[in-house]
Amino acid sequence: MTIERIQDLIKFELKTMEWGVTEQFMEIHSPVLFQNSVQIDNVAVTQNKISVFIPVENERFYLVFYIDSDKDQITGISTEPAIEICFKATSAVLSEAELKQYTHLEISESWNKGDIKQSGKTSYTSSGIIIEPNKKPNDFESKLNELISELKKDKGGIEALSKKADGYIQVVMNYHNGNGMIGGPNLNEMNIKDLNDLGLSIDFNFNVSGNLYRS
């Protein structure tokens, strides 16, 4: 299915609001537009199932359309959290360069103790590195599995960072507080086994924002 066809299906739904959830959502929020069409931040494909992630104006969560490519139709619509899942290692003793030496994996972000944070108001109290193989929006299971798969490529290095520094998996999820119920992620048996094999803990940070549904 082409991006053009996906955009046509979404544009038609936003105009006709055949799904009740579309009307409810459009009463309280607006999708981000780009060149008179909705902006698409990611199209995640699993077999014939497509998840289309559309950013929401002034918010961190996404409006998501689920499409069956075989049937050429929308099969569901919901809001989904913006999810950041990364491996993070920090140390008050080791420098940025020393932390990097423990792994050959690509570093997404790094800093030294004393560096000024992006906010410009405070400085880091420890050095750190972050490994985040994919920053595109997707569901929790897919993003976690992708990170674990990346970390397995250097099991020894990751284990060393978890021992020599404070190395762990960090999860930040930004939900839409539409009805006061946000749910939560699930760790399956294989996830738990993989985390144990890598010697890693996992830390969760949940945030909510946005307007409540009116009906």
N, C-alpha and C. Protein backbone atom coordinates (compact mmCIF):
# COMPACT_ATOMS: atom_id res chain seq x y z
N MET A 1 0.85 -1.19 0.00
CA MET A 1 0.00 0.00 0.00
C MET A 1 0.89 1.25 0.00
N THR A 2 0.60 2.18 -0.86
CA THR A 2 1.42 3.38 -0.99
C THR A 2 1.07 4.41 0.07
N ILE A 3 2.02 5.32 0.31
CA ILE A 3 1.78 6.42 1.24
C ILE A 3 0.60 7.26 0.77
N GLU A 4 0.50 7.45 -0.54
CA GLU A 4 -0.59 8.25 -1.09
C GLU A 4 -1.94 7.63 -0.75
N ARG A 5 -2.04 6.29 -0.86
CA ARG A 5 -3.31 5.62 -0.55
C ARG A 5 -3.61 5.71 0.94
N ILE A 6 -2.57 5.57 1.77
CA ILE A 6 -2.76 5.71 3.21
C ILE A 6 -3.27 7.11 3.55
N GLN A 7 -2.66 8.12 2.93
CA GLN A 7 -3.10 9.50 3.19
C GLN A 7 -4.54 9.72 2.74
N ASP A 8 -4.93 9.11 1.62
CA ASP A 8 -6.30 9.25 1.12
C ASP A 8 -7.30 8.65 2.10
N LEU A 9 -6.99 7.47 2.64
CA LEU A 9 -7.88 6.83 3.60
C LEU A 9 -8.03 7.68 4.86
N ILE A 10 -6.92 8.22 5.34
CA ILE A 10 -6.96 9.03 6.56
C ILE A 10 -7.68 10.36 6.31
N LYS A 11 -7.38 10.98 5.17
CA LYS A 11 -8.03 12.25 4.84
C LYS A 11 -9.55 12.07 4.74
N PHE A 12 -9.98 10.97 4.14
CA PHE A 12 -11.42 10.71 4.01
C PHE A 12 -12.06 10.51 5.39
N GLU A 13 -11.37 9.79 6.28
CA GLU A 13 -11.91 9.55 7.62
C GLU A 13 -11.99 10.85 8.42
N LEU A 14 -10.97 11.69 8.32
CA LEU A 14 -11.00 12.95 9.05
C LEU A 14 -12.11 13.88 8.54
N LYS A 15 -12.47 13.72 7.28
CA LYS A 15 -13.54 14.54 6.71
C LYS A 15 -14.92 14.00 7.06
N THR A 16 -15.11 12.69 6.96
CA THR A 16 -16.42 12.09 7.18
C THR A 16 -16.67 11.67 8.62
N MET A 17 -15.60 11.39 9.35
CA MET A 17 -15.68 10.96 10.75
C MET A 17 -16.64 9.79 10.92
N GLU A 18 -16.43 8.75 10.12
CA GLU A 18 -17.27 7.56 10.22
C GLU A 18 -17.04 6.82 11.53
N TRP A 19 -15.84 6.92 12.05
CA TRP A 19 -15.53 6.33 13.35
C TRP A 19 -15.83 7.36 14.43
N GLY A 20 -16.56 6.94 15.46
CA GLY A 20 -16.93 7.86 16.53
C GLY A 20 -15.74 8.46 17.24
N VAL A 21 -14.66 7.67 17.37
CA VAL A 21 -13.48 8.15 18.08
C VAL A 21 -12.83 9.31 17.33
N THR A 22 -12.99 9.33 16.00
CA THR A 22 -12.42 10.44 15.22
C THR A 22 -13.09 11.75 15.60
N GLU A 23 -14.41 11.73 15.68
CA GLU A 23 -15.16 12.94 16.05
C GLU A 23 -14.81 13.37 17.47
N GLN A 24 -14.72 12.40 18.39
CA GLN A 24 -14.36 12.72 19.76
C GLN A 24 -12.98 13.37 19.84
N PHE A 25 -12.04 12.83 19.08
CA PHE A 25 -10.69 13.36 19.11
C PHE A 25 -10.62 14.75 18.51
N MET A 26 -11.27 14.96 17.37
CA MET A 26 -11.19 16.24 16.67
C MET A 26 -11.87 17.36 17.44
N GLU A 27 -12.72 17.01 18.41
CA GLU A 27 -13.34 18.03 19.26
C GLU A 27 -12.34 18.63 20.23
N ILE A 28 -11.28 17.90 20.55
CA ILE A 28 -10.37 18.36 21.60
C ILE A 28 -8.92 18.56 21.14
N HIS A 29 -8.55 17.97 20.00
CA HIS A 29 -7.18 18.09 19.52
C HIS A 29 -7.16 18.13 18.00
N SER A 30 -5.98 18.48 17.46
CA SER A 30 -5.82 18.54 16.00
C SER A 30 -4.54 17.83 15.60
N PRO A 31 -4.60 17.03 14.52
CA PRO A 31 -3.37 16.41 14.01
C PRO A 31 -2.49 17.47 13.35
N VAL A 32 -1.20 17.23 13.35
CA VAL A 32 -0.26 18.14 12.71
C VAL A 32 -0.38 17.99 11.20
N LEU A 33 -0.46 19.12 10.50
CA LEU A 33 -0.59 19.11 9.04
C LEU A 33 0.73 19.49 8.38
N PHE A 34 0.95 18.93 7.19
CA PHE A 34 2.12 19.27 6.39
C PHE A 34 1.69 19.32 4.94
N GLN A 35 1.78 20.52 4.33
CA GLN A 35 1.37 20.72 2.94
C GLN A 35 -0.05 20.23 2.70
N ASN A 36 -0.97 20.65 3.58
CA ASN A 36 -2.40 20.37 3.48
C ASN A 36 -2.77 18.90 3.68
N SER A 37 -1.84 18.10 4.14
CA SER A 37 -2.13 16.71 4.48
C SER A 37 -1.62 16.43 5.88
N VAL A 38 -2.15 15.40 6.52
CA VAL A 38 -1.67 15.07 7.85
C VAL A 38 -0.21 14.65 7.77
N GLN A 39 0.56 15.06 8.75
CA GLN A 39 1.97 14.67 8.81
C GLN A 39 2.07 13.26 9.35
N ILE A 40 2.81 12.42 8.70
CA ILE A 40 2.99 11.04 9.14
C ILE A 40 4.42 10.87 9.65
N ASP A 41 4.57 10.51 10.93
CA ASP A 41 5.91 10.35 11.52
C ASP A 41 6.45 8.94 11.36
N ASN A 42 5.55 7.97 11.18
CA ASN A 42 6.01 6.60 10.94
C ASN A 42 4.88 5.74 10.43
N VAL A 43 5.23 4.81 9.57
CA VAL A 43 4.29 3.77 9.11
C VAL A 43 4.92 2.43 9.48
N ALA A 44 4.34 1.77 10.49
CA ALA A 44 4.86 0.49 10.96
C ALA A 44 4.03 -0.63 10.33
N VAL A 45 4.71 -1.57 9.68
CA VAL A 45 4.03 -2.63 8.95
C VAL A 45 4.34 -3.99 9.57
N THR A 46 3.31 -4.75 9.90
CA THR A 46 3.43 -6.13 10.36
C THR A 46 2.50 -6.98 9.52
N GLN A 47 3.09 -7.76 8.59
CA GLN A 47 2.31 -8.53 7.62
C GLN A 47 1.38 -7.58 6.86
N ASN A 48 0.07 -7.78 6.95
CA ASN A 48 -0.85 -6.90 6.22
C ASN A 48 -1.43 -5.81 7.12
N LYS A 49 -0.93 -5.69 8.34
CA LYS A 49 -1.42 -4.71 9.29
C LYS A 49 -0.50 -3.49 9.30
N ILE A 50 -1.08 -2.32 9.16
CA ILE A 50 -0.32 -1.08 9.10
C ILE A 50 -0.75 -0.16 10.24
N SER A 51 0.22 0.40 10.96
CA SER A 51 -0.04 1.39 11.99
C SER A 51 0.57 2.71 11.55
N VAL A 52 -0.26 3.74 11.46
CA VAL A 52 0.18 5.04 10.96
C VAL A 52 0.19 6.03 12.12
N PHE A 53 1.36 6.56 12.45
CA PHE A 53 1.53 7.45 13.60
C PHE A 53 1.53 8.91 13.14
N ILE A 54 0.54 9.67 13.62
CA ILE A 54 0.38 11.07 13.26
C ILE A 54 0.57 11.94 14.49
N PRO A 55 1.51 12.90 14.46
CA PRO A 55 1.71 13.77 15.62
C PRO A 55 0.51 14.67 15.86
N VAL A 56 0.37 15.08 17.12
CA VAL A 56 -0.75 15.93 17.54
C VAL A 56 -0.21 17.30 17.92
N GLU A 57 -0.89 18.35 17.50
CA GLU A 57 -0.42 19.71 17.75
C GLU A 57 -0.17 19.95 19.24
N ASN A 58 1.05 20.41 19.56
CA ASN A 58 1.44 20.81 20.91
C ASN A 58 1.37 19.69 21.94
N GLU A 59 1.43 18.44 21.49
CA GLU A 59 1.38 17.31 22.41
C GLU A 59 2.49 16.31 22.08
N ARG A 60 2.72 15.35 23.00
CA ARG A 60 3.76 14.35 22.83
C ARG A 60 3.22 12.99 22.39
N PHE A 61 1.90 12.79 22.43
CA PHE A 61 1.34 11.50 22.04
C PHE A 61 0.94 11.53 20.56
N TYR A 62 0.44 10.39 20.06
CA TYR A 62 0.12 10.27 18.63
C TYR A 62 -1.32 9.85 18.41
N LEU A 63 -1.87 10.29 17.29
CA LEU A 63 -3.12 9.76 16.77
C LEU A 63 -2.72 8.65 15.80
N VAL A 64 -3.23 7.43 16.05
CA VAL A 64 -2.79 6.28 15.26
C VAL A 64 -3.96 5.66 14.51
N PHE A 65 -3.76 5.46 13.21
CA PHE A 65 -4.74 4.78 12.37
C PHE A 65 -4.22 3.38 12.06
N TYR A 66 -5.08 2.38 12.27
CA TYR A 66 -4.73 0.99 11.96
C TYR A 66 -5.42 0.61 10.65
N ILE A 67 -4.64 0.13 9.70
CA ILE A 67 -5.15 -0.14 8.36
C ILE A 67 -4.86 -1.58 7.97
N ASP A 68 -5.86 -2.24 7.39
CA ASP A 68 -5.67 -3.58 6.82
C ASP A 68 -5.41 -3.38 5.32
N SER A 69 -4.18 -3.66 4.89
CA SER A 69 -3.82 -3.41 3.50
C SER A 69 -4.54 -4.35 2.54
N ASP A 70 -4.87 -5.56 2.98
CA ASP A 70 -5.59 -6.49 2.11
C ASP A 70 -7.01 -6.01 1.85
N LYS A 71 -7.66 -5.50 2.91
CA LYS A 71 -9.04 -5.01 2.78
C LYS A 71 -9.09 -3.56 2.32
N ASP A 72 -7.92 -2.88 2.32
CA ASP A 72 -7.84 -1.49 1.90
C ASP A 72 -8.79 -0.61 2.73
N GLN A 73 -8.73 -0.79 4.05
CA GLN A 73 -9.63 -0.01 4.90
C GLN A 73 -9.05 0.18 6.29
N ILE A 74 -9.53 1.23 6.96
CA ILE A 74 -9.15 1.49 8.34
C ILE A 74 -9.90 0.51 9.24
N THR A 75 -9.17 -0.13 10.15
CA THR A 75 -9.78 -1.10 11.05
C THR A 75 -9.80 -0.62 12.50
N GLY A 76 -9.18 0.51 12.78
CA GLY A 76 -9.17 1.02 14.13
C GLY A 76 -8.47 2.36 14.22
N ILE A 77 -8.81 3.13 15.26
CA ILE A 77 -8.20 4.45 15.49
C ILE A 77 -8.04 4.62 17.00
N SER A 78 -6.90 5.12 17.42
CA SER A 78 -6.70 5.36 18.86
C SER A 78 -5.60 6.39 19.05
N THR A 79 -5.42 6.83 20.28
CA THR A 79 -4.24 7.61 20.63
C THR A 79 -3.24 6.67 21.28
N GLU A 80 -1.98 6.85 20.95
CA GLU A 80 -0.92 6.00 21.50
C GLU A 80 0.19 6.90 22.04
N PRO A 81 0.87 6.45 23.09
CA PRO A 81 1.92 7.29 23.68
C PRO A 81 3.14 7.43 22.80
N ALA A 82 3.81 8.56 22.94
CA ALA A 82 5.16 8.68 22.39
C ALA A 82 6.06 7.90 23.34
N ILE A 83 6.85 7.00 22.78
CA ILE A 83 7.66 6.09 23.60
C ILE A 83 9.14 6.25 23.27
N GLU A 84 9.92 6.48 24.30
CA GLU A 84 11.38 6.51 24.16
C GLU A 84 11.93 5.32 24.95
N ILE A 85 12.64 4.43 24.28
CA ILE A 85 13.27 3.29 24.95
C ILE A 85 14.75 3.28 24.57
N CYS A 86 15.59 3.36 25.56
CA CYS A 86 17.03 3.41 25.28
C CYS A 86 17.82 2.68 26.37
N PHE A 87 19.05 2.35 26.04
CA PHE A 87 20.01 1.90 27.05
C PHE A 87 20.78 3.13 27.51
N LYS A 88 20.86 3.29 28.81
CA LYS A 88 21.53 4.46 29.38
C LYS A 88 22.55 4.01 30.40
N ALA A 89 23.76 4.53 30.32
CA ALA A 89 24.81 4.23 31.30
C ALA A 89 25.41 5.54 31.79
N THR A 90 25.46 5.73 33.09
CA THR A 90 26.01 6.95 33.67
C THR A 90 27.04 6.61 34.75
N SER A 91 27.97 7.52 34.96
CA SER A 91 28.99 7.32 35.99
C SER A 91 29.51 8.66 36.47
N ALA A 92 29.67 8.77 37.77
CA ALA A 92 30.25 9.98 38.36
C ALA A 92 31.76 9.91 38.34
N VAL A 93 32.31 8.74 38.00
CA VAL A 93 33.76 8.54 38.01
C VAL A 93 34.34 8.46 36.59
N LEU A 94 33.71 7.65 35.75
CA LEU A 94 34.19 7.46 34.38
C LEU A 94 33.79 8.64 33.50
N SER A 95 34.63 8.96 32.52
CA SER A 95 34.33 10.04 31.59
C SER A 95 33.47 9.52 30.43
N GLU A 96 32.99 10.43 29.63
CA GLU A 96 32.24 10.09 28.42
C GLU A 96 33.07 9.16 27.53
N ALA A 97 34.32 9.50 27.31
CA ALA A 97 35.20 8.71 26.45
C ALA A 97 35.42 7.32 27.03
N GLU A 98 35.59 7.23 28.34
CA GLU A 98 35.81 5.94 28.98
C GLU A 98 34.58 5.05 28.90
N LEU A 99 33.41 5.62 29.03
CA LEU A 99 32.18 4.84 28.90
C LEU A 99 32.05 4.28 27.48
N LYS A 100 32.38 5.09 26.49
CA LYS A 100 32.28 4.66 25.10
C LYS A 100 33.21 3.49 24.78
N GLN A 101 34.30 3.40 25.49
CA GLN A 101 35.28 2.35 25.22
C GLN A 101 34.77 0.95 25.56
N TYR A 102 33.72 0.87 26.35
CA TYR A 102 33.21 -0.44 26.77
C TYR A 102 32.36 -1.11 25.69
N THR A 103 31.92 -0.38 24.68
CA THR A 103 31.04 -0.98 23.68
C THR A 103 31.38 -0.48 22.27
N HIS A 104 31.14 -1.34 21.30
CA HIS A 104 31.32 -0.94 19.90
C HIS A 104 30.00 -0.53 19.25
N LEU A 105 28.91 -0.56 20.02
CA LEU A 105 27.62 -0.16 19.48
C LEU A 105 27.58 1.35 19.25
N GLU A 106 26.73 1.76 18.31
CA GLU A 106 26.62 3.18 17.99
C GLU A 106 25.99 3.95 19.14
N ILE A 107 26.63 5.03 19.53
CA ILE A 107 26.15 5.87 20.63
C ILE A 107 25.25 6.97 20.06
N SER A 108 24.05 7.08 20.60
CA SER A 108 23.09 8.07 20.10
C SER A 108 23.31 9.44 20.73
N GLU A 109 23.77 9.44 21.98
CA GLU A 109 23.94 10.69 22.71
C GLU A 109 24.96 10.44 23.83
N SER A 110 25.74 11.46 24.16
CA SER A 110 26.72 11.31 25.24
C SER A 110 27.05 12.67 25.83
N TRP A 111 27.59 12.67 27.05
CA TRP A 111 27.95 13.91 27.72
C TRP A 111 28.95 13.63 28.83
N ASN A 112 29.65 14.66 29.25
CA ASN A 112 30.60 14.58 30.35
C ASN A 112 30.02 15.22 31.60
N LYS A 113 30.46 14.74 32.72
CA LYS A 113 30.10 15.37 33.99
C LYS A 113 30.51 16.84 33.96
N GLY A 114 29.57 17.70 34.29
CA GLY A 114 29.83 19.14 34.26
C GLY A 114 29.33 19.84 33.02
N ASP A 115 29.03 19.08 31.96
CA ASP A 115 28.46 19.70 30.75
C ASP A 115 27.10 20.32 31.07
N ILE A 116 26.80 21.42 30.37
CA ILE A 116 25.50 22.07 30.58
C ILE A 116 24.41 21.31 29.81
N LYS A 117 23.30 21.05 30.48
CA LYS A 117 22.18 20.36 29.84
C LYS A 117 21.52 21.26 28.80
N GLN A 118 20.73 20.65 27.92
CA GLN A 118 20.10 21.41 26.83
C GLN A 118 19.22 22.54 27.35
N SER A 119 18.65 22.36 28.51
CA SER A 119 17.81 23.40 29.10
C SER A 119 18.61 24.66 29.41
N GLY A 120 19.94 24.49 29.57
CA GLY A 120 20.81 25.62 29.86
C GLY A 120 20.77 26.08 31.29
N LYS A 121 20.03 25.39 32.14
CA LYS A 121 19.85 25.84 33.52
C LYS A 121 20.70 25.05 34.51
N THR A 122 20.98 23.80 34.20
CA THR A 122 21.76 22.97 35.12
C THR A 122 22.82 22.19 34.34
N SER A 123 23.74 21.59 35.08
CA SER A 123 24.78 20.78 34.45
C SER A 123 24.66 19.33 34.91
N TYR A 124 25.24 18.44 34.14
CA TYR A 124 25.20 17.02 34.48
C TYR A 124 26.08 16.74 35.70
N THR A 125 25.58 15.90 36.58
CA THR A 125 26.34 15.50 37.77
C THR A 125 27.11 14.21 37.53
N SER A 126 26.93 13.61 36.36
CA SER A 126 27.67 12.41 35.99
C SER A 126 27.82 12.37 34.47
N SER A 127 28.79 11.61 34.00
CA SER A 127 28.96 11.41 32.56
C SER A 127 27.99 10.31 32.11
N GLY A 128 27.66 10.30 30.82
CA GLY A 128 26.71 9.29 30.37
C GLY A 128 26.73 9.05 28.88
N ILE A 129 26.18 7.90 28.50
CA ILE A 129 25.96 7.55 27.10
C ILE A 129 24.58 6.96 26.94
N ILE A 130 24.02 7.12 25.75
CA ILE A 130 22.71 6.57 25.44
C ILE A 130 22.79 5.81 24.12
N ILE A 131 22.17 4.63 24.08
CA ILE A 131 22.04 3.85 22.85
C ILE A 131 20.56 3.71 22.55
N GLU A 132 20.12 4.30 21.44
CA GLU A 132 18.71 4.26 21.04
C GLU A 132 18.66 4.03 19.53
N PRO A 133 18.54 2.77 19.09
CA PRO A 133 18.67 2.44 17.67
C PRO A 133 17.60 3.03 16.76
N ASN A 134 16.41 3.29 17.31
CA ASN A 134 15.33 3.80 16.47
C ASN A 134 14.46 4.75 17.27
N LYS A 135 14.42 6.01 16.85
CA LYS A 135 13.63 7.01 17.56
C LYS A 135 12.24 7.21 16.95
N LYS A 136 11.94 6.48 15.89
CA LYS A 136 10.62 6.62 15.27
C LYS A 136 9.53 6.07 16.18
N PRO A 137 8.32 6.64 16.13
CA PRO A 137 7.24 6.12 16.98
C PRO A 137 6.83 4.71 16.58
N ASN A 138 6.52 3.92 17.58
CA ASN A 138 6.04 2.56 17.36
C ASN A 138 5.47 2.07 18.68
N ASP A 139 4.96 0.85 18.70
CA ASP A 139 4.42 0.31 19.94
C ASP A 139 5.55 -0.14 20.86
N PHE A 140 5.22 -0.31 22.14
CA PHE A 140 6.23 -0.64 23.16
C PHE A 140 6.96 -1.93 22.83
N GLU A 141 6.23 -2.98 22.48
CA GLU A 141 6.85 -4.28 22.23
C GLU A 141 7.88 -4.21 21.10
N SER A 142 7.52 -3.55 20.01
CA SER A 142 8.43 -3.45 18.86
C SER A 142 9.69 -2.67 19.22
N LYS A 143 9.53 -1.55 19.91
CA LYS A 143 10.69 -0.72 20.26
C LYS A 143 11.60 -1.43 21.26
N LEU A 144 11.01 -2.13 22.24
CA LEU A 144 11.83 -2.85 23.21
C LEU A 144 12.59 -3.99 22.53
N ASN A 145 11.90 -4.75 21.68
CA ASN A 145 12.56 -5.87 21.00
C ASN A 145 13.70 -5.38 20.11
N GLU A 146 13.51 -4.23 19.46
CA GLU A 146 14.55 -3.69 18.59
C GLU A 146 15.78 -3.28 19.41
N LEU A 147 15.54 -2.66 20.56
CA LEU A 147 16.67 -2.26 21.42
C LEU A 147 17.40 -3.48 21.95
N ILE A 148 16.66 -4.47 22.44
CA ILE A 148 17.29 -5.67 22.98
C ILE A 148 18.11 -6.37 21.90
N SER A 149 17.56 -6.45 20.69
CA SER A 149 18.28 -7.07 19.58
C SER A 149 19.60 -6.35 19.31
N GLU A 150 19.59 -5.01 19.41
CA GLU A 150 20.81 -4.23 19.21
C GLU A 150 21.81 -4.49 20.34
N LEU A 151 21.34 -4.53 21.57
CA LEU A 151 22.24 -4.73 22.70
C LEU A 151 22.87 -6.12 22.70
N LYS A 152 22.15 -7.09 22.16
CA LYS A 152 22.69 -8.46 22.09
C LYS A 152 23.92 -8.55 21.19
N LYS A 153 24.08 -7.58 20.29
CA LYS A 153 25.23 -7.58 19.39
C LYS A 153 26.54 -7.33 20.15
N ASP A 154 26.44 -6.80 21.37
CA ASP A 154 27.63 -6.56 22.19
C ASP A 154 27.28 -6.89 23.64
N LYS A 155 26.93 -8.16 23.87
CA LYS A 155 26.50 -8.59 25.20
C LYS A 155 27.58 -8.31 26.25
N GLY A 156 28.84 -8.59 25.91
CA GLY A 156 29.92 -8.37 26.86
C GLY A 156 30.08 -6.92 27.24
N GLY A 157 29.98 -6.04 26.24
CA GLY A 157 30.13 -4.60 26.51
C GLY A 157 29.00 -4.07 27.36
N ILE A 158 27.78 -4.51 27.08
CA ILE A 158 26.62 -4.05 27.85
C ILE A 158 26.68 -4.56 29.28
N GLU A 159 27.08 -5.82 29.44
CA GLU A 159 27.22 -6.37 30.79
C GLU A 159 28.27 -5.58 31.58
N ALA A 160 29.37 -5.21 30.91
CA ALA A 160 30.41 -4.43 31.57
C ALA A 160 29.90 -3.07 32.01
N LEU A 161 29.13 -2.43 31.15
CA LEU A 161 28.58 -1.12 31.49
C LEU A 161 27.58 -1.19 32.64
N SER A 162 26.86 -2.31 32.72
CA SER A 162 25.91 -2.45 33.82
C SER A 162 26.62 -2.67 35.15
N LYS A 163 27.88 -3.16 35.09
CA LYS A 163 28.66 -3.41 36.31
C LYS A 163 29.57 -2.22 36.65
N LYS A 164 30.25 -1.68 35.65
CA LYS A 164 31.21 -0.60 35.88
C LYS A 164 30.54 0.76 36.01
N ALA A 165 29.35 0.88 35.42
CA ALA A 165 28.58 2.13 35.48
C ALA A 165 27.14 1.77 35.81
N ASP A 166 26.31 2.77 35.92
CA ASP A 166 24.88 2.52 36.16
C ASP A 166 24.21 2.33 34.80
N GLY A 167 24.25 1.09 34.29
CA GLY A 167 23.69 0.80 32.98
C GLY A 167 22.36 0.10 33.09
N TYR A 168 21.35 0.61 32.40
CA TYR A 168 20.00 0.04 32.48
C TYR A 168 19.19 0.48 31.25
N ILE A 169 18.01 -0.08 31.10
CA ILE A 169 17.09 0.34 30.03
C ILE A 169 16.11 1.35 30.61
N GLN A 170 15.99 2.47 29.94
CA GLN A 170 15.09 3.53 30.38
C GLN A 170 13.91 3.64 29.41
N VAL A 171 12.71 3.67 29.97
CA VAL A 171 11.49 3.78 29.17
C VAL A 171 10.74 5.03 29.62
N VAL A 172 10.45 5.92 28.67
CA VAL A 172 9.64 7.10 28.95
C VAL A 172 8.42 7.04 28.02
N MET A 173 7.22 7.08 28.60
CA MET A 173 5.99 6.98 27.82
C MET A 173 5.10 8.19 28.11
N ASN A 174 4.72 8.90 27.04
CA ASN A 174 3.89 10.10 27.16
C ASN A 174 2.50 9.81 26.60
N TYR A 175 1.54 9.61 27.50
CA TYR A 175 0.19 9.19 27.14
C TYR A 175 -0.77 10.38 26.97
N HIS A 176 -1.83 10.13 26.22
CA HIS A 176 -2.97 11.05 26.17
C HIS A 176 -3.90 10.71 27.33
N ASN A 177 -4.19 11.70 28.15
CA ASN A 177 -5.08 11.50 29.29
C ASN A 177 -6.53 11.75 28.88
N GLY A 178 -7.00 11.01 27.86
CA GLY A 178 -8.32 11.28 27.30
C GLY A 178 -9.47 10.92 28.19
N ASN A 179 -9.35 9.81 28.92
CA ASN A 179 -10.44 9.38 29.79
C ASN A 179 -9.97 8.99 31.19
N GLY A 180 -8.74 9.36 31.52
CA GLY A 180 -8.22 9.07 32.85
C GLY A 180 -7.65 7.67 33.00
N MET A 181 -7.71 6.86 31.93
CA MET A 181 -7.18 5.50 31.97
C MET A 181 -6.10 5.37 30.90
N ILE A 182 -4.86 5.09 31.33
CA ILE A 182 -3.76 5.05 30.36
C ILE A 182 -3.24 3.65 30.08
N GLY A 183 -3.61 2.68 30.92
CA GLY A 183 -3.09 1.33 30.69
C GLY A 183 -1.60 1.28 30.99
N GLY A 184 -0.90 0.35 30.38
CA GLY A 184 0.53 0.23 30.63
C GLY A 184 1.15 -0.86 29.77
N PRO A 185 2.48 -0.88 29.69
CA PRO A 185 3.18 -1.85 28.85
C PRO A 185 3.23 -3.23 29.50
N ASN A 186 3.57 -4.22 28.69
CA ASN A 186 3.68 -5.59 29.17
C ASN A 186 5.05 -6.15 28.82
N LEU A 187 5.69 -6.80 29.80
CA LEU A 187 6.93 -7.51 29.57
C LEU A 187 6.61 -8.99 29.48
N ASN A 188 6.88 -9.59 28.32
CA ASN A 188 6.60 -11.02 28.19
C ASN A 188 7.77 -11.84 28.73
N GLU A 189 7.58 -13.15 28.72
CA GLU A 189 8.58 -14.05 29.29
C GLU A 189 9.94 -13.92 28.61
N MET A 190 9.94 -13.76 27.27
CA MET A 190 11.19 -13.63 26.54
C MET A 190 11.89 -12.32 26.87
N ASN A 191 11.12 -11.22 27.03
CA ASN A 191 11.71 -9.94 27.43
C ASN A 191 12.45 -10.07 28.75
N ILE A 192 11.80 -10.69 29.71
CA ILE A 192 12.38 -10.85 31.05
C ILE A 192 13.65 -11.70 30.98
N LYS A 193 13.61 -12.76 30.18
CA LYS A 193 14.80 -13.61 30.01
C LYS A 193 15.95 -12.84 29.39
N ASP A 194 15.64 -12.07 28.33
CA ASP A 194 16.69 -11.29 27.66
C ASP A 194 17.32 -10.26 28.60
N LEU A 195 16.47 -9.58 29.38
CA LEU A 195 16.98 -8.58 30.32
C LEU A 195 17.89 -9.24 31.35
N ASN A 196 17.48 -10.41 31.81
CA ASN A 196 18.29 -11.14 32.79
C ASN A 196 19.62 -11.57 32.17
N ASP A 197 19.59 -12.06 30.93
CA ASP A 197 20.82 -12.50 30.26
C ASP A 197 21.80 -11.34 30.07
N LEU A 198 21.25 -10.15 29.84
CA LEU A 198 22.10 -8.97 29.63
C LEU A 198 22.50 -8.31 30.96
N GLY A 199 21.90 -8.77 32.04
CA GLY A 199 22.20 -8.19 33.35
C GLY A 199 21.64 -6.80 33.52
N LEU A 200 20.47 -6.55 32.94
CA LEU A 200 19.91 -5.20 32.93
C LEU A 200 18.60 -5.10 33.70
N SER A 201 18.42 -3.98 34.36
CA SER A 201 17.13 -3.63 34.93
C SER A 201 16.42 -2.70 33.95
N ILE A 202 15.14 -2.43 34.20
CA ILE A 202 14.37 -1.55 33.31
C ILE A 202 13.60 -0.56 34.17
N ASP A 203 13.68 0.70 33.80
CA ASP A 203 13.05 1.78 34.56
C ASP A 203 11.95 2.43 33.72
N PHE A 204 10.78 2.64 34.33
CA PHE A 204 9.64 3.21 33.61
C PHE A 204 9.31 4.60 34.15
N ASN A 205 9.02 5.52 33.22
CA ASN A 205 8.58 6.87 33.56
C ASN A 205 7.35 7.17 32.72
N PHE A 206 6.18 7.31 33.37
CA PHE A 206 4.92 7.57 32.67
C PHE A 206 4.51 9.03 32.85
N ASN A 207 4.11 9.68 31.74
CA ASN A 207 3.59 11.04 31.78
C ASN A 207 2.27 11.10 31.04
N VAL A 208 1.39 11.99 31.46
CA VAL A 208 0.12 12.16 30.77
C VAL A 208 -0.09 13.64 30.45
N SER A 209 -0.79 13.90 29.35
CA SER A 209 -1.10 15.27 28.96
C SER A 209 -2.30 15.25 28.02
N GLY A 210 -2.72 16.42 27.60
CA GLY A 210 -3.82 16.51 26.65
C GLY A 210 -5.16 16.76 27.30
N ASN A 211 -6.18 16.96 26.48
CA ASN A 211 -7.52 17.29 26.94
C ASN A 211 -8.37 16.03 27.10
N LEU A 212 -9.30 16.08 28.05
CA LEU A 212 -10.23 14.97 28.25
C LEU A 212 -11.27 14.95 27.15
N TYR A 213 -11.72 13.75 26.79
CA TYR A 213 -12.81 13.62 25.84
C TYR A 213 -14.08 14.24 26.44
N ARG A 214 -14.88 14.86 25.60
CA ARG A 214 -16.09 15.54 26.09
C ARG A 214 -17.26 14.60 26.24
N SER A 215 -17.20 13.46 25.57
CA SER A 215 -18.32 12.50 25.69
C SER A 215 -17.79 11.10 25.55
